[in-house]
Amino acid sequence: DVSSGDMDVVARHVKKRLAEISAAVDALPALDIVADDKAGALAERVLDEMRATVRDATGGLTLSGGLGPNFRLAKVAADQKKPDGQFRVGAGKSAVLEFLRDLPWRAASLRRFH
């Protein structure tokens, strides 16, 4: 059972890390954010840290996470490593098309996002 106090600790940590990340991303040249693998690698490290924080604070609750050039691709990417992993869709048209090519048709075209 996860207490609301545990979730408050996790939420504070996530908000703090997001503020730190936002400052780091703001320091990058705008075009590099999409095309630069450094930003993607940073996002992967932060997501991994957040998943570990939730796992530690809740006594083992697992999360999956996805990263991608847009929200929808990130949501689909999260499904690739359920229940306890993460997956990043690379930036750029060729990386996105490669990712989508291997998905079942239904996942790539009919997926609903809440």
Foldseek 3Di string as FASTA:
>chain_A
DFDVVLVVVLVVVLVVVVVVLVVVVVPDPPVCCQQPVVVVVVVQVSVVVSQVSSCVSGVGQAPFWAAESDDLNRVLQSVVDPPHYYGYQHGDDVSVCVVLVPDDPCSNPVDDDD
